[in-house]
Amino acid sequence: MVKIDKDIPIPTLIKGLHYPWEELEVGDSFLILPFPGEPSNSHRSRVKSLCSYHRKGNKNWTYRVTTEGVRVWRSA
């Protein structure tokens, strides 16, 4: 049986979320925090997709799961 919750507000969408992909030089990194309530496997999968999407030309990305979130490095 599934519990029904009442009076839970719908969270607002996060618009204009910008990660500094283009500004990074080789060796630089930034942290991507999970969305509130986001499971860790979903968060890791989202970051993996972002890294694949932003791989252009000779730009490559490496990511590692940390206790704070997922850290992304520009590796090439």
Protein backbone atom coordinates (compact mmCIF):
# COMPACT_ATOMS: atom_id res chain seq x y z
CA MET A 1 0.00 0.00 0.00
CA VAL A 2 1.29 3.48 -0.90
CA LYS A 3 0.91 6.30 1.63
CA ILE A 4 -0.80 9.44 0.32
CA ASP A 5 0.72 12.74 1.41
CA LYS A 6 -1.30 15.95 1.51
CA ASP A 7 -0.24 19.61 1.44
CA ILE A 8 3.28 19.00 0.10
CA PRO A 9 4.23 22.05 -2.02
CA ILE A 10 5.68 21.50 -5.49
CA PRO A 11 9.30 22.70 -5.52
CA THR A 12 10.20 25.39 -8.01
CA LEU A 13 12.27 24.42 -11.03
CA ILE A 14 15.92 25.32 -10.99
CA LYS A 15 16.43 27.55 -14.02
CA GLY A 16 19.62 29.03 -15.27
CA LEU A 17 21.77 26.49 -13.44
CA HIS A 18 25.23 27.07 -14.88
CA TYR A 19 28.33 24.99 -14.40
CA PRO A 20 31.64 26.49 -15.59
CA TRP A 21 32.43 23.91 -18.30
CA GLU A 22 33.88 26.38 -20.78
CA GLU A 23 35.89 28.34 -18.21
CA LEU A 24 37.85 25.36 -16.88
CA GLU A 25 41.47 24.78 -17.81
CA VAL A 26 43.13 21.37 -17.56
CA GLY A 27 43.42 20.43 -13.87
CA ASP A 28 40.62 22.77 -12.70
CA SER A 29 37.55 21.31 -11.02
CA PHE A 30 34.12 22.18 -9.63
CA LEU A 31 31.62 20.47 -7.35
CA ILE A 32 28.11 19.45 -8.43
CA LEU A 33 25.82 19.09 -5.42
CA PRO A 34 22.88 16.68 -5.49
CA PHE A 35 19.38 18.07 -5.78
CA PRO A 36 17.42 17.84 -2.51
CA GLY A 37 16.27 14.25 -2.05
CA GLU A 38 18.12 13.01 -5.14
CA PRO A 39 19.44 9.45 -4.69
CA SER A 40 23.22 9.14 -5.04
CA ASN A 41 23.01 6.77 -8.03
CA SER A 42 20.74 9.23 -9.86
CA HIS A 43 23.10 12.12 -9.04
CA ARG A 44 26.13 10.19 -10.32
CA SER A 45 24.23 9.26 -13.50
CA ARG A 46 23.25 12.90 -14.09
CA VAL A 47 26.88 14.05 -13.76
CA LYS A 48 28.07 11.27 -16.10
CA SER A 49 25.56 12.46 -18.72
CA LEU A 50 26.68 16.07 -18.30
CA CYS A 51 30.33 15.08 -18.75
CA SER A 52 29.49 13.16 -21.93
CA TYR A 53 27.40 16.03 -23.29
CA HIS A 54 30.17 18.60 -22.71
CA ARG A 55 32.95 16.48 -24.26
CA LYS A 56 33.82 18.53 -27.32
CA GLY A 57 36.93 18.46 -29.44
CA ASN A 58 39.89 17.86 -27.17
CA LYS A 59 38.02 18.63 -23.90
CA ASN A 60 37.63 15.64 -21.61
CA TRP A 61 36.16 15.39 -18.11
CA THR A 62 36.76 13.10 -15.15
CA TYR A 63 34.45 12.91 -12.16
CA ARG A 64 34.66 11.38 -8.70
CA VAL A 65 32.03 10.92 -6.01
CA THR A 66 32.96 12.72 -2.77
CA THR A 67 31.19 13.09 0.55
CA GLU A 68 29.90 16.50 -0.59
CA GLY A 69 28.69 15.61 -4.07
CA VAL A 70 30.39 14.82 -7.37
CA ARG A 71 33.56 16.71 -8.31
CA VAL A 72 34.31 17.20 -12.01
CA TRP A 73 37.82 17.86 -13.35
CA ARG A 74 38.87 18.91 -16.82
CA SER A 75 41.39 16.23 -17.72
CA ALA A 76 42.29 17.29 -21.27
